[in-house]
Amino acid sequence: MDLSYSPEYETFRAEVRAFAKEHSARAPRGMGFNEESRAWQRLLIAHGYAARTVPKQYGGAGAAPDILKSRIIAEEFIAAGLPMAMANQGISMLVPTLLELGTEEQKQRWIGPTLRGETIWCQGYSEPGAGSDLAALTTRATEDGDNFVINGQKIWTSTAAQADMIFCLVRTEADKPKHEGISYLIFSMRTPGIEVRPLVTMTGRAEFNEVFFTDVRVPKTQIVGGRGQGWLVANATLRHERGMLGDPNQAGTRLHAIVEMMLHEEVDGRRLMDNPVLRDRLLKLQGRVMAMEYHGLRLLTASLKSEDPGIARLIVKLMGCELNHQLAGFANDILGELGILYGNSPHLRAGGTWQTSFMFDLGLIIGGGTAQIQKNIIAERGLGMPREPKAVG
């Protein structure tokens, strides 16, 4: 079996490698909500390394889907230590949802600015009484002429304090069964009647927020997928969210950073990489990262063939979030006493990102569909196992 790349792909790899070499010194070290990150995102789109398959008329690169080229981009960026393209709620979740179910006007208006990082989005899904059972949401939208008037509350809303816009699930049909009475609205976070209250996590930062809606007026034209079709649209978004949260490229980037750290950090004059116990743990994690990468290729192949991978898609979120948490934990372990530092110590490595990631990633195992719920769905729908017994009374 010949597993080598054809000359076309080797030429493409050389192009990506040359780009990485040329821009490595000027690339941002992280991707945040700032002009440096937006400039990097625009550069990647211009070269076809971000928003690769999004049509040009919507602000993307307009390239044909090609799983090998996508794979080569990821490999070369990881090897060069370059940040991948922006991955956030707007780019990774809303954009593919609009491409699939949005109107032409919505695509033209929102996809380009979102891809370039100019418009920041947050997701209005979970509520205090509607987490894993999302269809139990009670935030309501009542008709008033050409507008919906929204009242209710959302919780665990990431980036709500920074967001310009929100894609939000509301109940528009009070007389319909819970899955059928939901609509999917997009509107500005500057709309009168919206209050954002930060929720501080164990990282010491306000990673999440509560959002309160009091008589918030939203034009009916800002509905995606049709009135009462919100559950269908929401699940399309959730498919993309789970892929984002368990992105194997993120795990590959972390693994690369850990390898570099083990090659250069020393204890008593001995490199961490020369410690057989640590090296054995690294190899086990490397095997899991590779498995996630190959599973990602499997899903891409199914997508290109217009096949539904079914339950295999849920594995990305379940295993990816757990793997990222374990990678961060391993990084803290190998740093020894430096791994428990937090704050502004001059001895921090990587600016303390490993410590922050270890605590924050624990929450991602819960967010976007808890690991326990994911396991139940995989077991019951994918493996045909008996349904979990329900408590009586």
Protein backbone atom coordinates (compact mmCIF):
# COMPACT_ATOMS: atom_id res chain seq x y z
CA MET A 1 0.00 0.00 0.00
CA ASP A 2 1.43 3.37 -1.07
CA LEU A 3 0.74 5.97 1.64
CA SER A 4 2.92 8.69 0.14
CA TYR A 5 1.44 11.98 -1.05
CA SER A 6 1.13 12.76 -4.75
CA PRO A 7 3.30 15.55 -6.24
CA GLU A 8 0.29 17.92 -6.07
CA TYR A 9 0.08 17.53 -2.29
CA GLU A 10 3.82 17.66 -1.76
CA THR A 11 3.85 20.97 -3.67
CA PHE A 12 1.04 22.23 -1.46
CA ARG A 13 2.91 21.14 1.67
CA ALA A 14 5.96 23.06 0.50
CA GLU A 15 3.81 26.17 0.06
CA VAL A 16 2.36 25.87 3.57
CA ARG A 17 5.79 25.21 5.05
CA ALA A 18 7.21 28.28 3.31
CA PHE A 19 4.34 30.38 4.66
CA ALA A 20 4.97 29.06 8.17
CA LYS A 21 8.68 29.86 7.95
CA GLU A 22 8.04 33.36 6.61
CA HIS A 23 5.44 34.31 9.19
CA SER A 24 6.48 32.37 12.31
CA ALA A 25 8.21 35.35 13.93
CA ARG A 26 5.20 37.65 13.40
CA ALA A 27 2.45 35.21 14.28
CA PRO A 28 0.48 35.91 17.49
CA ARG A 29 1.22 33.55 20.35
CA GLY A 30 -2.49 33.12 21.05
CA MET A 31 -5.80 33.92 19.39
CA GLY A 32 -7.91 36.40 21.35
CA PHE A 33 -10.32 39.22 20.62
CA ASN A 34 -7.74 41.75 19.47
CA GLU A 35 -6.48 43.36 16.29
CA GLU A 36 -3.35 41.17 16.18
CA SER A 37 -5.51 38.04 16.07
CA ARG A 38 -7.87 39.57 13.51
CA ALA A 39 -4.93 40.52 11.26
CA TRP A 40 -3.63 36.95 11.47
CA GLN A 41 -7.09 35.61 10.65
CA ARG A 42 -7.37 37.85 7.57
CA LEU A 43 -3.94 36.69 6.41
CA LEU A 44 -4.92 33.04 6.79
CA ILE A 45 -8.16 33.55 4.87
CA ALA A 46 -6.28 35.32 2.06
CA HIS A 47 -3.93 32.32 1.73
CA GLY A 48 -6.73 29.76 2.02
CA TYR A 49 -5.64 28.45 5.43
CA ALA A 50 -8.76 29.68 7.27
CA ALA A 51 -12.44 29.61 6.24
CA ARG A 52 -11.06 27.39 3.52
CA THR A 53 -14.29 26.04 2.06
CA VAL A 54 -16.57 29.01 2.83
CA PRO A 55 -17.64 30.60 -0.49
CA LYS A 56 -15.83 33.79 -1.45
CA GLN A 57 -19.06 35.74 -1.75
CA TYR A 58 -19.48 35.28 2.01
CA GLY A 59 -15.91 36.21 2.91
CA GLY A 60 -14.25 32.81 2.84
CA ALA A 61 -11.38 31.41 0.77
CA GLY A 62 -13.72 29.57 -1.59
CA ALA A 63 -11.55 26.46 -1.95
CA ALA A 64 -12.93 23.04 -2.83
CA PRO A 65 -13.13 20.60 0.09
CA ASP A 66 -9.94 18.54 0.27
CA ILE A 67 -9.27 16.52 3.39
CA LEU A 68 -5.60 15.98 2.57
CA LYS A 69 -4.88 19.68 2.14
CA SER A 70 -6.74 20.45 5.37
CA ARG A 71 -4.65 17.78 7.05
CA ILE A 72 -1.41 19.20 5.63
CA ILE A 73 -2.27 22.70 6.88
CA ALA A 74 -2.88 21.36 10.38
CA GLU A 75 0.32 19.28 10.36
CA GLU A 76 2.55 22.12 9.21
CA PHE A 77 1.04 24.72 11.54
CA ILE A 78 1.40 22.40 14.52
CA ALA A 79 4.98 21.54 13.58
CA ALA A 80 5.87 25.23 13.25
CA GLY A 81 4.10 26.18 16.47
CA LEU A 82 1.79 28.58 14.61
CA PRO A 83 -1.69 29.34 15.92
CA MET A 84 -4.45 27.81 13.85
CA ALA A 85 -7.29 29.93 12.50
CA MET A 86 -9.77 31.46 14.94
CA ALA A 87 -12.16 28.93 16.47
CA ASN A 88 -15.01 30.44 18.46
CA GLN A 89 -18.77 30.37 18.77
CA GLY A 90 -19.33 32.64 15.80
CA ILE A 91 -16.84 31.13 13.37
CA SER A 92 -17.05 27.48 14.38
CA MET A 93 -20.75 27.22 15.26
CA LEU A 94 -22.87 30.00 13.77
CA VAL A 95 -21.18 30.31 10.37
CA PRO A 96 -21.72 26.66 9.36
CA THR A 97 -25.28 26.88 10.72
CA LEU A 98 -26.03 29.92 8.54
CA LEU A 99 -24.42 28.26 5.52
CA GLU A 100 -26.77 25.32 6.03
CA LEU A 101 -29.99 26.99 7.15
CA GLY A 102 -29.68 30.78 6.95
CA THR A 103 -31.26 33.07 4.39
CA GLU A 104 -29.16 34.68 1.68
CA GLU A 105 -29.46 38.04 3.44
CA GLN A 106 -28.25 36.52 6.72
CA LYS A 107 -25.28 34.89 5.00
CA GLN A 108 -24.27 38.09 3.25
CA ARG A 109 -24.65 40.20 6.38
CA TRP A 110 -23.07 38.07 9.08
CA ILE A 111 -20.65 35.45 7.75
CA GLY A 112 -17.88 37.75 6.46
CA PRO A 113 -17.53 39.97 9.56
CA THR A 114 -17.73 36.87 11.77
CA LEU A 115 -15.00 35.03 9.86
CA ARG A 116 -12.69 38.04 10.10
CA GLY A 117 -13.22 38.30 13.86
CA GLU A 118 -14.91 41.69 13.54
CA THR A 119 -18.21 40.47 15.04
CA ILE A 120 -18.06 38.45 18.26
CA TRP A 121 -20.94 36.11 19.12
CA CYS A 122 -22.21 34.32 22.21
CA GLN A 123 -24.62 31.40 22.49
CA GLY A 124 -27.90 31.75 24.39
CA TYR A 125 -28.86 28.15 25.07
CA SER A 126 -28.61 26.92 28.68
CA GLU A 127 -30.91 28.20 31.42
CA PRO A 128 -31.01 27.56 35.18
CA GLY A 129 -33.71 24.93 34.59
CA ALA A 130 -32.67 23.78 31.13
CA GLY A 131 -29.16 22.40 30.83
CA SER A 132 -28.87 18.83 29.58
CA ASP A 133 -32.64 18.96 28.93
CA LEU A 134 -32.31 22.00 26.69
CA ALA A 135 -35.82 21.68 25.27
CA ALA A 136 -37.18 22.58 28.72
CA LEU A 137 -36.11 26.21 28.20
CA THR A 138 -38.59 28.86 29.35
CA THR A 139 -37.20 32.11 27.93
CA ARG A 140 -40.19 33.31 25.93
CA ALA A 141 -40.73 35.56 22.94
CA THR A 142 -44.18 37.03 22.41
CA GLU A 143 -45.38 38.78 19.27
CA ASP A 144 -45.80 42.53 19.13
CA GLY A 145 -46.33 43.72 15.57
CA ASP A 146 -43.12 43.14 13.57
CA ASN A 147 -41.13 42.24 16.69
CA PHE A 148 -40.68 39.52 19.24
CA VAL A 149 -40.49 40.70 22.86
CA ILE A 150 -38.13 38.47 24.85
CA ASN A 151 -38.20 37.84 28.59
CA GLY A 152 -36.17 35.27 30.50
CA GLN A 153 -32.66 34.22 31.53
CA LYS A 154 -29.68 32.34 30.14
CA ILE A 155 -26.72 30.99 32.08
CA TRP A 156 -23.16 29.72 31.43
CA THR A 157 -23.01 32.12 28.47
CA SER A 158 -19.37 32.27 27.34
CA THR A 159 -18.04 35.62 26.04
CA ALA A 160 -21.39 37.36 26.72
CA ALA A 161 -19.53 40.34 28.21
CA GLN A 162 -17.44 40.75 25.04
CA ALA A 163 -20.00 39.71 22.43
CA ASP A 164 -21.56 42.00 19.85
CA MET A 165 -24.29 39.51 18.93
CA ILE A 166 -26.08 36.45 20.31
CA PHE A 167 -27.73 33.44 18.70
CA CYS A 168 -30.46 32.55 21.14
CA LEU A 169 -33.16 29.91 21.66
CA VAL A 170 -36.53 31.23 22.80
CA ARG A 171 -40.01 29.76 23.15
CA THR A 172 -42.35 31.36 20.61
CA GLU A 173 -45.14 28.74 20.59
CA ALA A 174 -46.42 28.34 24.14
CA ASP A 175 -49.11 25.85 23.11
CA LYS A 176 -46.76 23.44 21.31
CA PRO A 177 -44.82 20.46 22.76
CA LYS A 178 -41.50 21.59 24.19
CA HIS A 179 -39.37 20.51 21.20
CA GLU A 180 -41.73 22.14 18.69
CA GLY A 181 -42.27 25.55 20.26
CA ILE A 182 -38.70 26.90 20.02
CA SER A 183 -37.27 29.49 17.63
CA TYR A 184 -33.66 30.49 16.92
CA LEU A 185 -33.07 34.25 16.93
CA ILE A 186 -29.98 36.37 16.29
CA PHE A 187 -29.75 39.87 17.73
CA SER A 188 -27.41 42.51 19.12
CA MET A 189 -26.16 42.30 22.69
CA ARG A 190 -26.53 46.10 22.78
CA THR A 191 -30.32 45.79 22.50
CA PRO A 192 -32.07 47.58 25.39
CA GLY A 193 -33.22 45.25 28.15
CA ILE A 194 -30.19 42.91 28.17
CA GLU A 195 -28.18 42.61 31.40
CA VAL A 196 -24.97 40.56 31.67
CA ARG A 197 -23.71 39.38 35.07
CA PRO A 198 -20.26 37.71 35.20
CA LEU A 199 -19.81 34.26 36.80
CA VAL A 200 -16.29 33.78 38.23
CA THR A 201 -14.93 30.24 37.95
CA MET A 202 -12.13 28.54 39.87
CA THR A 203 -9.67 30.05 37.38
CA GLY A 204 -10.38 33.38 39.13
CA ARG A 205 -11.80 34.79 35.91
CA ALA A 206 -15.32 35.46 34.69
CA GLU A 207 -15.28 32.71 32.08
CA PHE A 208 -19.09 32.53 31.93
CA ASN A 209 -22.02 34.86 32.46
CA GLU A 210 -25.68 35.06 33.33
CA VAL A 211 -27.77 36.98 30.79
CA PHE A 212 -31.15 38.48 31.65
CA PHE A 213 -33.71 39.63 29.08
CA THR A 214 -36.38 42.16 30.06
CA ASP A 215 -38.74 43.21 27.24
CA VAL A 216 -36.00 42.86 24.64
CA ARG A 217 -37.41 43.72 21.21
CA VAL A 218 -36.09 41.73 18.23
CA PRO A 219 -37.39 42.03 14.64
CA LYS A 220 -39.12 38.86 13.39
CA THR A 221 -36.82 38.91 10.36
CA GLN A 222 -33.90 37.90 12.60
CA ILE A 223 -35.10 34.33 12.95
CA VAL A 224 -33.01 31.50 11.49
CA GLY A 225 -34.69 28.49 9.93
CA GLY A 226 -38.31 29.56 10.44
CA ARG A 227 -40.61 30.01 13.39
CA GLY A 228 -40.89 26.93 15.58
CA GLN A 229 -37.90 25.30 13.84
CA GLY A 230 -35.43 26.26 16.53
CA TRP A 231 -34.81 22.73 17.75
CA LEU A 232 -33.69 21.67 14.28
CA VAL A 233 -31.41 24.70 13.93
CA ALA A 234 -30.09 24.33 17.48
CA ASN A 235 -29.02 20.75 16.85
CA ALA A 236 -27.22 21.78 13.68
CA THR A 237 -25.27 24.30 15.78
CA LEU A 238 -24.60 21.71 18.51
CA ARG A 239 -23.03 19.35 15.97
CA HIS A 240 -20.51 22.04 15.10
CA GLU A 241 -20.00 23.01 18.75
CA ARG A 242 -19.04 19.47 19.70
CA GLY A 243 -16.57 19.36 16.84
CA MET A 244 -15.05 22.67 17.99
CA LEU A 245 -14.77 21.64 21.66
CA GLY A 246 -13.00 18.39 20.77
CA ASP A 247 -10.92 19.73 17.87
CA PRO A 248 -8.03 17.27 17.39
CA ASN A 249 -5.86 20.08 16.03
CA GLN A 250 -6.04 21.78 19.42
CA ALA A 251 -4.86 18.58 21.09
CA GLY A 252 -2.07 18.28 18.52
CA THR A 253 -0.94 21.84 19.22
CA ARG A 254 -0.86 21.14 22.96
CA LEU A 255 1.08 17.93 22.47
CA HIS A 256 3.65 19.77 20.35
CA ALA A 257 4.07 22.41 23.07
CA ILE A 258 4.55 19.70 25.71
CA VAL A 259 7.19 17.94 23.58
CA GLU A 260 9.08 21.23 23.19
CA MET A 261 8.89 21.82 26.94
CA MET A 262 10.21 18.33 27.70
CA LEU A 263 13.08 18.84 25.28
CA HIS A 264 14.19 22.10 26.89
CA GLU A 265 13.20 21.97 30.59
CA GLU A 266 15.68 20.30 32.93
CA VAL A 267 15.70 18.92 36.45
CA ASP A 268 19.17 18.55 38.01
CA GLY A 269 20.75 18.99 34.58
CA ARG A 270 18.66 16.25 33.00
CA ARG A 271 16.06 16.94 30.30
CA LEU A 272 12.50 15.98 31.12
CA MET A 273 12.43 14.00 27.86
CA ASP A 274 15.17 11.75 29.24
CA ASN A 275 12.96 10.68 32.15
CA PRO A 276 11.54 7.27 31.08
CA VAL A 277 8.43 7.55 33.27
CA LEU A 278 7.47 10.94 31.81
CA ARG A 279 8.34 9.79 28.30
CA ASP A 280 6.07 6.76 28.70
CA ARG A 281 3.16 8.97 29.79
CA LEU A 282 3.85 11.27 26.83
CA LEU A 283 3.72 8.38 24.37
CA LYS A 284 0.37 7.22 25.72
CA LEU A 285 -1.07 10.70 25.27
CA GLN A 286 0.49 10.94 21.82
CA GLY A 287 -1.28 7.73 20.83
CA ARG A 288 -4.62 9.19 21.94
CA VAL A 289 -3.99 12.44 20.06
CA MET A 290 -3.22 10.47 16.91
CA ALA A 291 -6.38 8.43 17.36
CA MET A 292 -8.41 11.65 17.62
CA GLU A 293 -6.74 13.03 14.49
CA TYR A 294 -7.53 9.90 12.48
CA HIS A 295 -11.09 9.89 13.77
CA GLY A 296 -11.39 13.49 12.60
CA LEU A 297 -10.27 12.41 9.12
CA ARG A 298 -12.89 9.68 9.20
CA LEU A 299 -15.60 12.28 9.86
CA LEU A 300 -14.25 14.55 7.12
CA THR A 301 -14.34 11.66 4.67
CA ALA A 302 -17.94 10.91 5.59
CA SER A 303 -18.82 14.57 5.07
CA LEU A 304 -17.23 14.67 1.62
CA LYS A 305 -19.20 11.57 0.65
CA SER A 306 -22.41 13.17 1.98
CA GLU A 307 -22.66 10.35 4.51
CA ASP A 308 -23.98 10.81 8.03
CA PRO A 309 -21.34 9.58 10.49
CA GLY A 310 -24.07 9.32 13.10
CA ILE A 311 -23.00 8.65 16.63
CA ALA A 312 -19.31 8.74 15.65
CA ARG A 313 -19.54 12.53 15.70
CA LEU A 314 -20.25 12.55 19.44
CA ILE A 315 -16.93 10.85 20.15
CA VAL A 316 -15.12 14.07 19.17
CA LYS A 317 -16.62 16.11 21.98
CA LEU A 318 -16.50 13.34 24.59
CA MET A 319 -12.91 12.24 24.03
CA GLY A 320 -11.49 15.58 22.85
CA CYS A 321 -12.45 17.54 25.96
CA GLU A 322 -11.22 14.81 28.28
CA LEU A 323 -7.96 14.53 26.32
CA ASN A 324 -7.30 18.28 26.42
CA HIS A 325 -7.81 18.27 30.18
CA GLN A 326 -5.40 15.36 30.57
CA LEU A 327 -2.78 17.05 28.38
CA ALA A 328 -2.93 20.18 30.55
CA GLY A 329 -2.72 18.01 33.67
CA PHE A 330 0.33 16.22 32.33
CA ALA A 331 2.01 19.54 31.51
CA ASN A 332 1.50 20.69 35.10
CA ASP A 333 2.80 17.36 36.42
CA ILE A 334 6.05 17.50 34.48
CA LEU A 335 6.65 21.07 35.66
CA GLY A 336 6.78 19.82 39.23
CA GLU A 337 6.54 22.59 41.81
CA LEU A 338 6.27 25.16 38.98
CA GLY A 339 3.09 23.45 37.85
CA ILE A 340 1.18 24.56 40.94
CA LEU A 341 2.04 28.24 40.52
CA TYR A 342 -0.74 30.61 39.57
CA GLY A 343 -0.97 34.33 39.14
CA ASN A 344 1.99 36.58 38.39
CA SER A 345 4.98 34.51 39.46
CA PRO A 346 8.14 35.17 37.40
CA HIS A 347 8.69 31.39 37.30
CA LEU A 348 5.49 30.64 35.37
CA ARG A 349 5.91 28.75 32.11
CA ALA A 350 3.84 29.68 29.03
CA GLY A 351 2.30 32.54 30.98
CA GLY A 352 0.41 30.14 33.24
CA THR A 353 -1.75 28.82 30.39
CA TRP A 354 -1.31 25.19 31.49
CA GLN A 355 -2.70 25.90 34.95
CA THR A 356 -5.61 27.92 33.54
CA SER A 357 -6.37 25.31 30.89
CA PHE A 358 -6.38 22.50 33.44
CA MET A 359 -9.07 24.23 35.49
CA PHE A 360 -11.08 25.64 32.60
CA ASP A 361 -11.08 22.40 30.57
CA LEU A 362 -12.68 20.56 33.44
CA GLY A 363 -15.74 22.73 32.83
CA LEU A 364 -15.70 21.94 29.10
CA ILE A 365 -16.17 18.25 29.94
CA ILE A 366 -19.52 19.38 31.33
CA GLY A 367 -20.35 22.20 28.89
CA GLY A 368 -21.76 21.56 25.42
CA GLY A 369 -23.34 18.30 26.60
CA THR A 370 -21.90 16.60 29.68
CA ALA A 371 -19.65 13.56 29.33
CA GLN A 372 -22.28 11.47 31.13
CA ILE A 373 -25.00 12.49 28.64
CA GLN A 374 -22.65 11.87 25.70
CA LYS A 375 -21.82 8.38 27.00
CA ASN A 376 -25.51 7.56 27.41
CA ILE A 377 -26.30 8.65 23.85
CA ILE A 378 -23.35 6.73 22.40
CA ALA A 379 -24.26 3.61 24.41
CA GLU A 380 -28.00 3.67 23.73
CA ARG A 381 -28.18 4.95 20.16
CA GLY A 382 -24.82 3.83 18.87
CA LEU A 383 -24.26 0.49 20.62
CA GLY A 384 -27.90 -0.50 21.17
CA MET A 385 -27.52 -0.89 24.94
CA PRO A 386 -30.55 -0.64 27.27
CA ARG A 387 -31.68 2.85 28.22
CA GLU A 388 -30.54 4.21 31.56
CA PRO A 389 -33.12 3.52 34.26
CA LYS A 390 -35.11 6.57 35.31
CA ALA A 391 -35.76 7.47 38.93
CA VAL A 392 -39.34 6.88 40.06
CA GLY A 393 -41.29 9.63 41.82
